[in-house]
PDB file of all heavy atoms in Angstrom:
ATOM      1  N   GLU A   1     132.567  84.794 112.539  1.00  0.00           N
ATOM      2  CA  GLU A   1     132.201  84.244 111.231  1.00  0.00           C
ATOM      3  C   GLU A   1     130.707  84.397 110.980  1.00  0.00           C
ATOM      4  O   GLU A   1     130.281  84.663 109.851  1.00  0.00           O
ATOM      5  CB  GLU A   1     132.631  82.776 111.140  1.00  0.00           C
ATOM      6  CG  GLU A   1     134.150  82.608 111.116  1.00  0.00           C
ATOM      7  CD  GLU A   1     134.582  81.170 110.866  1.00  0.00           C
ATOM      8  OE1 GLU A   1     133.717  80.342 110.491  1.00  0.00           O
ATOM      9  OE2 GLU A   1     135.780  80.869 111.035  1.00  0.00           O
ATOM     10  N   CYS A   2     129.896  84.256 112.039  1.00  0.00           N
ATOM     11  CA  CYS A   2     128.446  84.405 111.879  1.00  0.00           C
ATOM     12  C   CYS A   2     128.078  85.819 111.444  1.00  0.00           C
ATOM     13  O   CYS A   2     127.172  86.008 110.634  1.00  0.00           O
ATOM     14  CB  CYS A   2     127.729  84.057 113.192  1.00  0.00           C
ATOM     15  SG  CYS A   2     127.645  82.285 113.512  1.00  0.00           S
ATOM     16  N   ILE A   3     128.776  86.822 111.967  1.00  0.00           N
ATOM     17  CA  ILE A   3     128.500  88.208 111.564  1.00  0.00           C
ATOM     18  C   ILE A   3     128.853  88.404 110.094  1.00  0.00           C
ATOM     19  O   ILE A   3     128.098  89.019 109.336  1.00  0.00           O
ATOM     20  CB  ILE A   3     129.269  89.207 112.453  1.00  0.00           C
ATOM     21  CG1 ILE A   3     128.710  89.209 113.867  1.00  0.00           C
ATOM     22  CG2 ILE A   3     129.205  90.614 111.857  1.00  0.00           C
ATOM     23  CD1 ILE A   3     129.483  90.069 114.843  1.00  0.00           C
ATOM     24  N   VAL A   4     130.009  87.861 109.667  1.00  0.00           N
ATOM     25  CA  VAL A   4     130.408  87.992 108.261  1.00  0.00           C
ATOM     26  C   VAL A   4     129.375  87.339 107.357  1.00  0.00           C
ATOM     27  O   VAL A   4     128.961  87.922 106.339  1.00  0.00           O
ATOM     28  CB  VAL A   4     131.803  87.374 108.024  1.00  0.00           C
ATOM     29  CG1 VAL A   4     132.169  87.466 106.545  1.00  0.00           C
ATOM     30  CG2 VAL A   4     132.852  88.093 108.852  1.00  0.00           C
ATOM     31  N   TYR A   5     128.928  86.147 107.714  1.00  0.00           N
ATOM     32  CA  TYR A   5     127.926  85.470 106.898  1.00  0.00           C
ATOM     33  C   TYR A   5     126.587  86.211 106.947  1.00  0.00           C
ATOM     34  O   TYR A   5     125.840  86.244 105.962  1.00  0.00           O
ATOM     35  CB  TYR A   5     127.766  84.015 107.339  1.00  0.00           C
ATOM     36  CG  TYR A   5     128.799  83.086 106.732  1.00  0.00           C
ATOM     37  CD1 TYR A   5     129.935  82.713 107.447  1.00  0.00           C
ATOM     38  CD2 TYR A   5     128.647  82.588 105.440  1.00  0.00           C
ATOM     39  CE1 TYR A   5     130.899  81.867 106.896  1.00  0.00           C
ATOM     40  CE2 TYR A   5     129.596  81.747 104.872  1.00  0.00           C
ATOM     41  CZ  TYR A   5     130.727  81.391 105.605  1.00  0.00           C
ATOM     42  OH  TYR A   5     131.668  80.565 105.047  1.00  0.00           O
ATOM     43  N   GLY A   6     126.268  86.817 108.087  1.00  0.00           N
ATOM     44  CA  GLY A   6     125.048  87.612 108.177  1.00  0.00           C
ATOM     45  C   GLY A   6     125.105  88.830 107.280  1.00  0.00           C
ATOM     46  O   GLY A   6     124.118  89.183 106.618  1.00  0.00           O
ATOM     47  N   LEU A   7     126.267  89.484 107.236  1.00  0.00           N
ATOM     48  CA  LEU A   7     126.440  90.610 106.316  1.00  0.00           C
ATOM     49  C   LEU A   7     126.314  90.149 104.867  1.00  0.00           C
ATOM     50  O   LEU A   7     125.767  90.863 104.019  1.00  0.00           O
ATOM     51  CB  LEU A   7     127.810  91.258 106.536  1.00  0.00           C
ATOM     52  CG  LEU A   7     127.985  92.040 107.838  1.00  0.00           C
ATOM     53  CD1 LEU A   7     129.445  92.436 108.019  1.00  0.00           C
ATOM     54  CD2 LEU A   7     127.097  93.282 107.864  1.00  0.00           C
ATOM     55  N   TYR A   8     126.806  88.955 104.603  1.00  0.00           N
ATOM     56  CA  TYR A   8     126.677  88.393 103.250  1.00  0.00           C
ATOM     57  C   TYR A   8     125.201  88.241 102.883  1.00  0.00           C
ATOM     58  O   TYR A   8     124.806  88.533 101.741  1.00  0.00           O
ATOM     59  CB  TYR A   8     127.394  87.045 103.161  1.00  0.00           C
ATOM     60  CG  TYR A   8     127.246  86.380 101.810  1.00  0.00           C
ATOM     61  CD1 TYR A   8     128.099  86.704 100.763  1.00  0.00           C
ATOM     62  CD2 TYR A   8     126.235  85.451 101.576  1.00  0.00           C
ATOM     63  CE1 TYR A   8     127.954  86.115  99.513  1.00  0.00           C
ATOM     64  CE2 TYR A   8     126.083  84.853 100.337  1.00  0.00           C
ATOM     65  CZ  TYR A   8     126.941  85.185  99.300  1.00  0.00           C
ATOM     66  OH  TYR A   8     126.798  84.598  98.066  1.00  0.00           O
ATOM     67  N   VAL A   9     124.374  87.804 103.831  1.00  0.00           N
ATOM     68  CA  VAL A   9     122.933  87.687 103.582  1.00  0.00           C
ATOM     69  C   VAL A   9     122.375  89.033 103.117  1.00  0.00           C
ATOM     70  O   VAL A   9     121.626  89.107 102.137  1.00  0.00           O
ATOM     71  CB  VAL A   9     122.183  87.207 104.843  1.00  0.00           C
ATOM     72  CG1 VAL A   9     120.667  87.328 104.655  1.00  0.00           C
ATOM     73  CG2 VAL A   9     122.543  85.771 105.179  1.00  0.00           C
ATOM     74  N   LEU A  10     122.756  90.113 103.816  1.00  0.00           N
ATOM     75  CA  LEU A  10     122.258  91.438 103.454  1.00  0.00           C
ATOM     76  C   LEU A  10     122.728  91.839 102.061  1.00  0.00           C
ATOM     77  O   LEU A  10     121.926  92.191 101.187  1.00  0.00           O
ATOM     78  CB  LEU A  10     122.735  92.490 104.465  1.00  0.00           C
ATOM     79  CG  LEU A  10     122.374  92.307 105.939  1.00  0.00           C
ATOM     80  CD1 LEU A  10     122.841  93.521 106.738  1.00  0.00           C
ATOM     81  CD2 LEU A  10     120.882  92.103 106.125  1.00  0.00           C
ATOM     82  N   PHE A  11     124.030  91.780 101.850  1.00  0.00           N
ATOM     83  CA  PHE A  11     124.607  92.341 100.634  1.00  0.00           C
ATOM     84  C   PHE A  11     124.449  91.433  99.414  1.00  0.00           C
ATOM     85  O   PHE A  11     124.649  91.886  98.287  1.00  0.00           O
ATOM     86  CB  PHE A  11     126.078  92.700 100.860  1.00  0.00           C
ATOM     87  CG  PHE A  11     126.253  93.931 101.694  1.00  0.00           C
ATOM     88  CD1 PHE A  11     126.296  93.853 103.072  1.00  0.00           C
ATOM     89  CD2 PHE A  11     126.322  95.181 101.103  1.00  0.00           C
ATOM     90  CE1 PHE A  11     126.424  94.988 103.846  1.00  0.00           C
ATOM     91  CE2 PHE A  11     126.451  96.325 101.859  1.00  0.00           C
ATOM     92  CZ  PHE A  11     126.497  96.236 103.242  1.00  0.00           C
ATOM     93  N   ASN A  12     124.074  90.198  99.626  1.00  0.00           N
ATOM     94  CA  ASN A  12     123.798  89.306  98.491  1.00  0.00           C
ATOM     95  C   ASN A  12     122.307  89.208  98.203  1.00  0.00           C
ATOM     96  O   ASN A  12     121.903  88.507  97.285  1.00  0.00           O
ATOM     97  CB  ASN A  12     124.364  87.908  98.745  1.00  0.00           C
ATOM     98  CG  ASN A  12     124.407  87.060  97.490  1.00  0.00           C
ATOM     99  OD1 ASN A  12     124.916  87.481  96.452  1.00  0.00           O
ATOM    100  ND2 ASN A  12     123.847  85.853  97.562  1.00  0.00           N
ATOM    101  N   SER A  13     121.486  89.912  98.964  1.00  0.00           N
ATOM    102  CA  SER A  13     120.039  89.857  98.750  1.00  0.00           C
ATOM    103  C   SER A  13     119.629  90.790  97.618  1.00  0.00           C
ATOM    104  O   SER A  13     120.292  91.778  97.323  1.00  0.00           O
ATOM    105  CB  SER A  13     119.301  90.253 100.033  1.00  0.00           C
ATOM    106  OG  SER A  13     119.471  91.646 100.289  1.00  0.00           O
ATOM    107  N   ALA A  14     118.512  90.478  96.993  1.00  0.00           N
ATOM    108  CA  ALA A  14     117.963  91.338  95.940  1.00  0.00           C
ATOM    109  C   ALA A  14     117.498  92.661  96.524  1.00  0.00           C
ATOM    110  O   ALA A  14     117.578  93.707  95.864  1.00  0.00           O
ATOM    111  CB  ALA A  14     116.804  90.626  95.248  1.00  0.00           C
ATOM    112  N   LEU A  15     117.028  92.647  97.777  1.00  0.00           N
ATOM    113  CA  LEU A  15     116.491  93.849  98.417  1.00  0.00           C
ATOM    114  C   LEU A  15     117.572  94.915  98.591  1.00  0.00           C
ATOM    115  O   LEU A  15     117.375  96.081  98.228  1.00  0.00           O
ATOM    116  CB  LEU A  15     115.891  93.485  99.779  1.00  0.00           C
ATOM    117  CG  LEU A  15     114.988  94.527 100.437  1.00  0.00           C
ATOM    118  CD1 LEU A  15     113.783  94.849  99.561  1.00  0.00           C
ATOM    119  CD2 LEU A  15     114.521  94.033 101.805  1.00  0.00           C
ATOM    120  N   TYR A  16     118.718  94.532  99.125  1.00  0.00           N
ATOM    121  CA  TYR A  16     119.796  95.504  99.326  1.00  0.00           C
ATOM    122  C   TYR A  16     120.412  95.943  97.999  1.00  0.00           C
ATOM    123  O   TYR A  16     120.824  97.095  97.844  1.00  0.00           O
ATOM    124  CB  TYR A  16     120.866  94.948 100.260  1.00  0.00           C
ATOM    125  CG  TYR A  16     120.573  95.277 101.710  1.00  0.00           C
ATOM    126  CD1 TYR A  16     119.726  94.476 102.464  1.00  0.00           C
ATOM    127  CD2 TYR A  16     121.106  96.409 102.310  1.00  0.00           C
ATOM    128  CE1 TYR A  16     119.425  94.783 103.782  1.00  0.00           C
ATOM    129  CE2 TYR A  16     120.817  96.737 103.631  1.00  0.00           C
ATOM    130  CZ  TYR A  16     119.971  95.917 104.357  1.00  0.00           C
ATOM    131  OH  TYR A  16     119.670  96.248 105.661  1.00  0.00           O
ATOM    132  N   ASP A  17     120.459  95.029  97.029  1.00  0.00           N
ATOM    133  CA  ASP A  17     120.993  95.398  95.719  1.00  0.00           C
ATOM    134  C   ASP A  17     120.101  96.455  95.067  1.00  0.00           C
ATOM    135  O   ASP A  17     120.584  97.450  94.518  1.00  0.00           O
ATOM    136  CB  ASP A  17     121.089  94.163  94.826  1.00  0.00           C
ATOM    137  CG  ASP A  17     121.833  94.450  93.529  1.00  0.00           C
ATOM    138  OD1 ASP A  17     123.061  94.681  93.591  1.00  0.00           O
ATOM    139  OD2 ASP A  17     121.195  94.457  92.464  1.00  0.00           O
ATOM    140  N   GLU A  18     118.797  96.254  95.148  1.00  0.00           N
ATOM    141  CA  GLU A  18     117.858  97.221  94.566  1.00  0.00           C
ATOM    142  C   GLU A  18     117.909  98.547  95.324  1.00  0.00           C
ATOM    143  O   GLU A  18     117.838  99.627  94.733  1.00  0.00           O
ATOM    144  CB  GLU A  18     116.429  96.654  94.581  1.00  0.00           C
ATOM    145  CG  GLU A  18     115.383  97.544  93.928  1.00  0.00           C
ATOM    146  CD  GLU A  18     115.669  97.819  92.460  1.00  0.00           C
ATOM    147  OE1 GLU A  18     116.222  96.939  91.777  1.00  0.00           O
ATOM    148  OE2 GLU A  18     115.329  98.925  91.993  1.00  0.00           O
ATOM    149  N   TYR A  19     118.030  98.467  96.649  1.00  0.00           N
ATOM    150  CA  TYR A  19     118.128  99.686  97.461  1.00  0.00           C
ATOM    151  C   TYR A  19     119.327 100.521  97.024  1.00  0.00           C
ATOM    152  O   TYR A  19     119.225 101.742  96.862  1.00  0.00           O
ATOM    153  CB  TYR A  19     118.268  99.313  98.936  1.00  0.00           C
ATOM    154  CG  TYR A  19     118.259 100.493  99.884  1.00  0.00           C
ATOM    155  CD1 TYR A  19     117.082 100.917 100.491  1.00  0.00           C
ATOM    156  CD2 TYR A  19     119.424 101.188 100.180  1.00  0.00           C
ATOM    157  CE1 TYR A  19     117.069 101.997 101.366  1.00  0.00           C
ATOM    158  CE2 TYR A  19     119.427 102.275 101.041  1.00  0.00           C
ATOM    159  CZ  TYR A  19     118.243 102.667 101.641  1.00  0.00           C
ATOM    160  OH  TYR A  19     118.248 103.747 102.491  1.00  0.00           O
ATOM    161  N   TYR A  20     120.460  99.860  96.813  1.00  0.00           N
ATOM    162  CA  TYR A  20     121.653 100.608  96.412  1.00  0.00           C
ATOM    163  C   TYR A  20     121.488 101.210  95.024  1.00  0.00           C
ATOM    164  O   TYR A  20     121.944 102.331  94.764  1.00  0.00           O
ATOM    165  CB  TYR A  20     122.906  99.728  96.459  1.00  0.00           C
ATOM    166  CG  TYR A  20     124.156 100.565  96.361  1.00  0.00           C
ATOM    167  CD1 TYR A  20     124.649 101.226  97.476  1.00  0.00           C
ATOM    168  CD2 TYR A  20     124.791 100.759  95.138  1.00  0.00           C
ATOM    169  CE1 TYR A  20     125.765 102.047  97.384  1.00  0.00           C
ATOM    170  CE2 TYR A  20     125.905 101.580  95.035  1.00  0.00           C
ATOM    171  CZ  TYR A  20     126.387 102.216  96.163  1.00  0.00           C
ATOM    172  OH  TYR A  20     127.483 103.049  96.065  1.00  0.00           O
ATOM    173  N   ARG A  21     120.821 100.507  94.118  1.00  0.00           N
ATOM    174  CA  ARG A  21     120.588 101.045  92.780  1.00  0.00           C
ATOM    175  C   ARG A  21     119.689 102.283  92.829  1.00  0.00           C
ATOM    176  O   ARG A  21     119.855 103.219  92.052  1.00  0.00           O
ATOM    177  CB  ARG A  21     119.949  99.983  91.884  1.00  0.00           C
ATOM    178  CG  ARG A  21     120.903  98.894  91.436  1.00  0.00           C
ATOM    179  CD  ARG A  21     120.147  97.820  90.648  1.00  0.00           C
ATOM    180  NE  ARG A  21     121.049  96.766  90.213  1.00  0.00           N
ATOM    181  CZ  ARG A  21     121.714  96.758  89.069  1.00  0.00           C
ATOM    182  NH1 ARG A  21     121.609  97.779  88.252  1.00  0.00           N
ATOM    183  NH2 ARG A  21     122.499  95.755  88.746  1.00  0.00           N
ATOM    184  N   ILE A  22     118.721 102.273  93.748  1.00  0.00           N
ATOM    185  CA  ILE A  22     117.861 103.442  93.915  1.00  0.00           C
ATOM    186  C   ILE A  22     118.683 104.612  94.441  1.00  0.00           C
ATOM    187  O   ILE A  22     118.517 105.758  94.017  1.00  0.00           O
ATOM    188  CB  ILE A  22     116.700 103.129  94.892  1.00  0.00           C
ATOM    189  CG1 ILE A  22     115.774 102.062  94.301  1.00  0.00           C
ATOM    190  CG2 ILE A  22     115.902 104.397  95.218  1.00  0.00           C
ATOM    191  CD1 ILE A  22     114.770 101.513  95.286  1.00  0.00           C
ATOM    192  N   LEU A  23     119.590 104.325  95.355  1.00  0.00           N
ATOM    193  CA  LEU A  23     120.392 105.365  96.002  1.00  0.00           C
ATOM    194  C   LEU A  23     121.457 105.930  95.075  1.00  0.00           C
ATOM    195  O   LEU A  23     121.734 107.128  95.083  1.00  0.00           O
ATOM    196  CB  LEU A  23     121.051 104.775  97.259  1.00  0.00           C
ATOM    197  CG  LEU A  23     122.001 105.668  98.053  1.00  0.00           C
ATOM    198  CD1 LEU A  23     121.282 106.917  98.557  1.00  0.00           C
ATOM    199  CD2 LEU A  23     122.588 104.893  99.224  1.00  0.00           C
ATOM    200  N   ASN A  24     122.071 105.078  94.261  1.00  0.00           N
ATOM    201  CA  ASN A  24     123.214 105.497  93.458  1.00  0.00           C
ATOM    202  C   ASN A  24     123.084 104.948  92.046  1.00  0.00           C
ATOM    203  O   ASN A  24     123.008 103.744  91.853  1.00  0.00           O
ATOM    204  CB  ASN A  24     124.507 104.987  94.113  1.00  0.00           C
ATOM    205  CG  ASN A  24     125.758 105.476  93.415  1.00  0.00           C
ATOM    206  OD1 ASN A  24     125.859 105.446  92.196  1.00  0.00           O
ATOM    207  ND2 ASN A  24     126.729 105.913  94.182  1.00  0.00           N
ATOM    208  N   GLY A  25     123.104 105.844  91.061  1.00  0.00           N
ATOM    209  CA  GLY A  25     122.934 105.421  89.680  1.00  0.00           C
ATOM    210  C   GLY A  25     124.214 105.010  89.000  1.00  0.00           C
ATOM    211  O   GLY A  25     124.193 104.536  87.873  1.00  0.00           O
ATOM    212  N   SER A  26     125.360 105.181  89.667  1.00  0.00           N
ATOM    213  CA  SER A  26     126.628 104.841  89.019  1.00  0.00           C
ATOM    214  C   SER A  26     126.956 103.370  89.235  1.00  0.00           C
ATOM    215  O   SER A  26     126.262 102.655  89.949  1.00  0.00           O
ATOM    216  CB  SER A  26     127.758 105.706  89.590  1.00  0.00           C
ATOM    217  OG  SER A  26     128.148 105.243  90.868  1.00  0.00           O
ATOM    218  N   THR A  27     128.037 102.920  88.614  1.00  0.00           N
ATOM    219  CA  THR A  27     128.464 101.529  88.773  1.00  0.00           C
ATOM    220  C   THR A  27     129.482 101.381  89.896  1.00  0.00           C
ATOM    221  O   THR A  27     130.036 100.310  90.092  1.00  0.00           O
ATOM    222  CB  THR A  27     129.084 101.015  87.463  1.00  0.00           C
ATOM    223  OG1 THR A  27     130.159 101.885  87.089  1.00  0.00           O
ATOM    224  CG2 THR A  27     128.053 100.984  86.359  1.00  0.00           C
ATOM    225  N   GLN A  28     129.732 102.441  90.631  1.00  0.00           N
ATOM    226  CA  GLN A  28     130.703 102.390  91.730  1.00  0.00           C
ATOM    227  C   GLN A  28     129.979 102.226  93.056  1.00  0.00           C
ATOM    228  O   GLN A  28     128.995 102.906  93.321  1.00  0.00           O
ATOM    229  CB  GLN A  28     131.548 103.658  91.751  1.00  0.00           C
ATOM    230  CG  GLN A  28     132.604 103.655  92.847  1.00  0.00           C
ATOM    231  CD  GLN A  28     133.562 104.817  92.724  1.00  0.00           C
ATOM    232  OE1 GLN A  28     133.726 105.392  91.666  1.00  0.00           O
ATOM    233  NE2 GLN A  28     134.201 105.170  93.816  1.00  0.00           N
ATOM    234  N   VAL A  29     130.471 101.321  93.882  1.00  0.00           N
ATOM    235  CA  VAL A  29     129.926 101.121  95.221  1.00  0.00           C
ATOM    236  C   VAL A  29     130.768 101.929  96.192  1.00  0.00           C
ATOM    237  O   VAL A  29     131.941 101.621  96.435  1.00  0.00           O
ATOM    238  CB  VAL A  29     129.936  99.624  95.601  1.00  0.00           C
ATOM    239  CG1 VAL A  29     129.444  99.436  97.031  1.00  0.00           C
ATOM    240  CG2 VAL A  29     129.066  98.826  94.630  1.00  0.00           C
ATOM    241  N   ASN A  30     130.178 102.981  96.742  1.00  0.00           N
ATOM    242  CA  ASN A  30     130.899 103.898  97.610  1.00  0.00           C
ATOM    243  C   ASN A  30     130.707 103.537  99.070  1.00  0.00           C
ATOM    244  O   ASN A  30     129.577 103.330  99.526  1.00  0.00           O
ATOM    245  CB  ASN A  30     130.409 105.341  97.385  1.00  0.00           C
ATOM    246  CG  ASN A  30     130.717 105.837  95.988  1.00  0.00           C
ATOM    247  OD1 ASN A  30     131.830 105.691  95.518  1.00  0.00           O
ATOM    248  ND2 ASN A  30     129.732 106.411  95.323  1.00  0.00           N
ATOM    249  N   SER A  31     131.806 103.510  99.806  1.00  0.00           N
ATOM    250  CA  SER A  31     131.728 103.145 101.220  1.00  0.00           C
ATOM    251  C   SER A  31     130.896 104.148 102.013  1.00  0.00           C
ATOM    252  O   SER A  31     130.188 103.771 102.956  1.00  0.00           O
ATOM    253  CB  SER A  31     133.135 103.024 101.810  1.00  0.00           C
ATOM    254  OG  SER A  31     133.860 104.214 101.631  1.00  0.00           O
ATOM    255  N   THR A  32     130.948 105.431 101.651  1.00  0.00           N
ATOM    256  CA  THR A  32     130.167 106.449 102.372  1.00  0.00           C
ATOM    257  C   THR A  32     128.684 106.117 102.320  1.00  0.00           C
ATOM    258  O   THR A  32     127.976 106.208 103.336  1.00  0.00           O
ATOM    259  CB  THR A  32     130.407 107.843 101.760  1.00  0.00           C
ATOM    260  OG1 THR A  32     131.788 108.156 101.843  1.00  0.00           O
ATOM    261  CG2 THR A  32     129.608 108.901 102.494  1.00  0.00           C
ATOM    262  N   GLU A  33     128.200 105.731 101.150  1.00  0.00           N
ATOM    263  CA  GLU A  33     126.775 105.422 101.004  1.00  0.00           C
ATOM    264  C   GLU A  33     126.414 104.111 101.687  1.00  0.00           C
ATOM    265  O   GLU A  33     125.348 104.002 102.309  1.00  0.00           O
ATOM    266  CB  GLU A  33     126.419 105.382  99.524  1.00  0.00           C
ATOM    267  CG  GLU A  33     126.503 106.757  98.876  1.00  0.00           C
ATOM    268  CD  GLU A  33     126.531 106.727  97.376  1.00  0.00           C
ATOM    269  OE1 GLU A  33     126.708 105.648  96.792  1.00  0.00           O
ATOM    270  OE2 GLU A  33     126.389 107.800  96.782  1.00  0.00           O
ATOM    271  N   ILE A  34     127.287 103.115 101.592  1.00  0.00           N
ATOM    272  CA  ILE A  34     127.022 101.848 102.270  1.00  0.00           C
ATOM    273  C   ILE A  34     126.934 102.067 103.784  1.00  0.00           C
ATOM    274  O   ILE A  34     126.059 101.516 104.456  1.00  0.00           O
ATOM    275  CB  ILE A  34     128.105 100.809 101.951  1.00  0.00           C
ATOM    276  CG1 ILE A  34     128.090 100.451 100.461  1.00  0.00           C
ATOM    277  CG2 ILE A  34     127.948  99.561 102.813  1.00  0.00           C
ATOM    278  CD1 ILE A  34     126.851  99.715  99.995  1.00  0.00           C
ATOM    279  N   ASN A  35     127.823 102.888 104.316  1.00  0.00           N
ATOM    280  CA  ASN A  35     127.821 103.140 105.762  1.00  0.00           C
ATOM    281  C   ASN A  35     126.607 103.928 106.226  1.00  0.00           C
ATOM    282  O   ASN A  35     126.344 104.016 107.427  1.00  0.00           O
ATOM    283  CB  ASN A  35     129.105 103.863 106.168  1.00  0.00           C
ATOM    284  CG  ASN A  35     130.318 102.961 106.123  1.00  0.00           C
ATOM    285  OD1 ASN A  35     130.238 101.779 106.451  1.00  0.00           O
ATOM    286  ND2 ASN A  35     131.453 103.491 105.690  1.00  0.00           N
ATOM    287  N   ALA A  36     125.871 104.520 105.292  1.00  0.00           N
ATOM    288  CA  ALA A  36     124.656 105.262 105.641  1.00  0.00           C
ATOM    289  C   ALA A  36     123.391 104.431 105.431  1.00  0.00           C
ATOM    290  O   ALA A  36     122.301 104.861 105.804  1.00  0.00           O
ATOM    291  CB  ALA A  36     124.570 106.538 104.809  1.00  0.00           C
ATOM    292  N   MET A  37     123.518 103.233 104.852  1.00  0.00           N
ATOM    293  CA  MET A  37     122.345 102.405 104.583  1.00  0.00           C
ATOM    294  C   MET A  37     121.788 101.802 105.875  1.00  0.00           C
ATOM    295  O   MET A  37     122.539 101.477 106.790  1.00  0.00           O
ATOM    296  CB  MET A  37     122.718 101.279 103.608  1.00  0.00           C
ATOM    297  CG  MET A  37     122.937 101.747 102.187  1.00  0.00           C
ATOM    298  SD  MET A  37     123.646 100.467 101.108  1.00  0.00           S
ATOM    299  CE  MET A  37     122.357  99.235 101.118  1.00  0.00           C
ATOM    300  N   PRO A  38     120.475 101.648 105.963  1.00  0.00           N
ATOM    301  CA  PRO A  38     119.886 101.036 107.163  1.00  0.00           C
ATOM    302  C   PRO A  38     120.165  99.539 107.229  1.00  0.00           C
ATOM    303  O   PRO A  38     120.075  98.843 106.208  1.00  0.00           O
ATOM    304  CB  PRO A  38     118.392 101.314 107.008  1.00  0.00           C
ATOM    305  CG  PRO A  38     118.183 101.501 105.542  1.00  0.00           C
ATOM    306  CD  PRO A  38     119.454 102.077 104.992  1.00  0.00           C
ATOM    307  N   VAL A  39     120.522  99.053 108.412  1.00  0.00           N
ATOM    308  CA  VAL A  39     120.798  97.624 108.609  1.00  0.00           C
ATOM    309  C   VAL A  39     120.145  97.162 109.916  1.00  0.00           C
ATOM    310  O   VAL A  39     119.861  97.975 110.798  1.00  0.00           O
ATOM    311  CB  VAL A  39     122.325  97.329 108.663  1.00  0.00           C
ATOM    312  CG1 VAL A  39     122.988  97.658 107.339  1.00  0.00           C
ATOM    313  CG2 VAL A  39     122.988  98.083 109.813  1.00  0.00           C
ATOM    314  N   PRO A  40     119.905  95.851 110.054  1.00  0.00           N
ATOM    315  CA  PRO A  40     119.378  95.327 111.326  1.00  0.00           C
ATOM    316  C   PRO A  40     120.406  95.469 112.446  1.00  0.00           C
ATOM    317  O   PRO A  40     121.562  95.836 112.216  1.00  0.00           O
ATOM    318  CB  PRO A  40     119.120  93.851 110.999  1.00  0.00           C
ATOM    319  CG  PRO A  40     119.161  93.732 109.519  1.00  0.00           C
ATOM    320  CD  PRO A  40     120.074  94.810 109.042  1.00  0.00           C
ATOM    321  N   ASP A  41     119.997  95.150 113.681  1.00  0.00           N
ATOM    322  CA  ASP A  41     120.937  95.177 114.799  1.00  0.00           C
ATOM    323  C   ASP A  41     121.920  94.018 114.667  1.00  0.00           C
ATOM    324  O   ASP A  41     121.711  93.070 113.898  1.00  0.00           O
ATOM    325  CB  ASP A  41     120.190  95.106 116.137  1.00  0.00           C
ATOM    326  CG  ASP A  41     119.316  93.863 116.247  1.00  0.00           C
ATOM    327  OD1 ASP A  41     119.861  92.753 116.375  1.00  0.00           O
ATOM    328  OD2 ASP A  41     118.074  94.007 116.172  1.00  0.00           O
ATOM    329  N   LEU A  42     123.021  94.088 115.411  1.00  0.00           N
ATOM    330  CA  LEU A  42     124.112  93.117 115.288  1.00  0.00           C
ATOM    331  C   LEU A  42     123.650  91.697 115.611  1.00  0.00           C
ATOM    332  O   LEU A  42     124.057  90.733 114.963  1.00  0.00           O
ATOM    333  CB  LEU A  42     125.266  93.527 116.211  1.00  0.00           C
ATOM    334  CG  LEU A  42     126.624  92.881 115.929  1.00  0.00           C
ATOM    335  CD1 LEU A  42     127.109  93.233 114.533  1.00  0.00           C
ATOM    336  CD2 LEU A  42     127.650  93.329 116.970  1.00  0.00           C
ATOM    337  N   GLU A  43     122.792  91.579 116.603  1.00  0.00           N
ATOM    338  CA  GLU A  43     122.310  90.248 117.000  1.00  0.00           C
ATOM    339  C   GLU A  43     121.518  89.597 115.861  1.00  0.00           C
ATOM    340  O   GLU A  43     121.673  88.400 115.591  1.00  0.00           O
ATOM    341  CB  GLU A  43     121.425  90.384 118.250  1.00  0.00           C
ATOM    342  CG  GLU A  43     121.026  89.048 118.857  1.00  0.00           C
ATOM    343  CD  GLU A  43     120.234  89.217 120.143  1.00  0.00           C
ATOM    344  OE1 GLU A  43     120.519  90.166 120.913  1.00  0.00           O
ATOM    345  OE2 GLU A  43     119.319  88.398 120.374  1.00  0.00           O
ATOM    346  N   SER A  44     120.700  90.395 115.176  1.00  0.00           N
ATOM    347  CA  SER A  44     119.912  89.848 114.054  1.00  0.00           C
ATOM    348  C   SER A  44     120.823  89.445 112.899  1.00  0.00           C
ATOM    349  O   SER A  44     120.613  88.404 112.263  1.00  0.00           O
ATOM    350  CB  SER A  44     118.896  90.886 113.576  1.00  0.00           C
ATOM    351  OG  SER A  44     117.962  91.185 114.592  1.00  0.00           O
ATOM    352  N   ILE A  45     121.839  90.267 112.633  1.00  0.00           N
ATOM    353  CA  ILE A  45     122.784  89.929 111.556  1.00  0.00           C
ATOM    354  C   ILE A  45     123.513  88.633 111.883  1.00  0.00           C
ATOM    355  O   ILE A  45     123.694  87.762 111.015  1.00  0.00           O
ATOM    356  CB  ILE A  45     123.785  91.090 111.349  1.00  0.00           C
ATOM    357  CG1 ILE A  45     123.065  92.319 110.765  1.00  0.00           C
ATOM    358  CG2 ILE A  45     124.929  90.670 110.414  1.00  0.00           C
ATOM    359  CD1 ILE A  45     123.930  93.562 110.655  1.00  0.00           C
TER     360      ILE A  45
END
């Protein structure tokens, strides 16, 4: 549950939202691009 909530911190932050907008101009969130985004290590999440 802590990992899920940690992922929520990332994906609900303004920083990650802006990063994705820079990466992709469409309104679709693609799993390929999300899987290529930089993230902290598992322990930090």
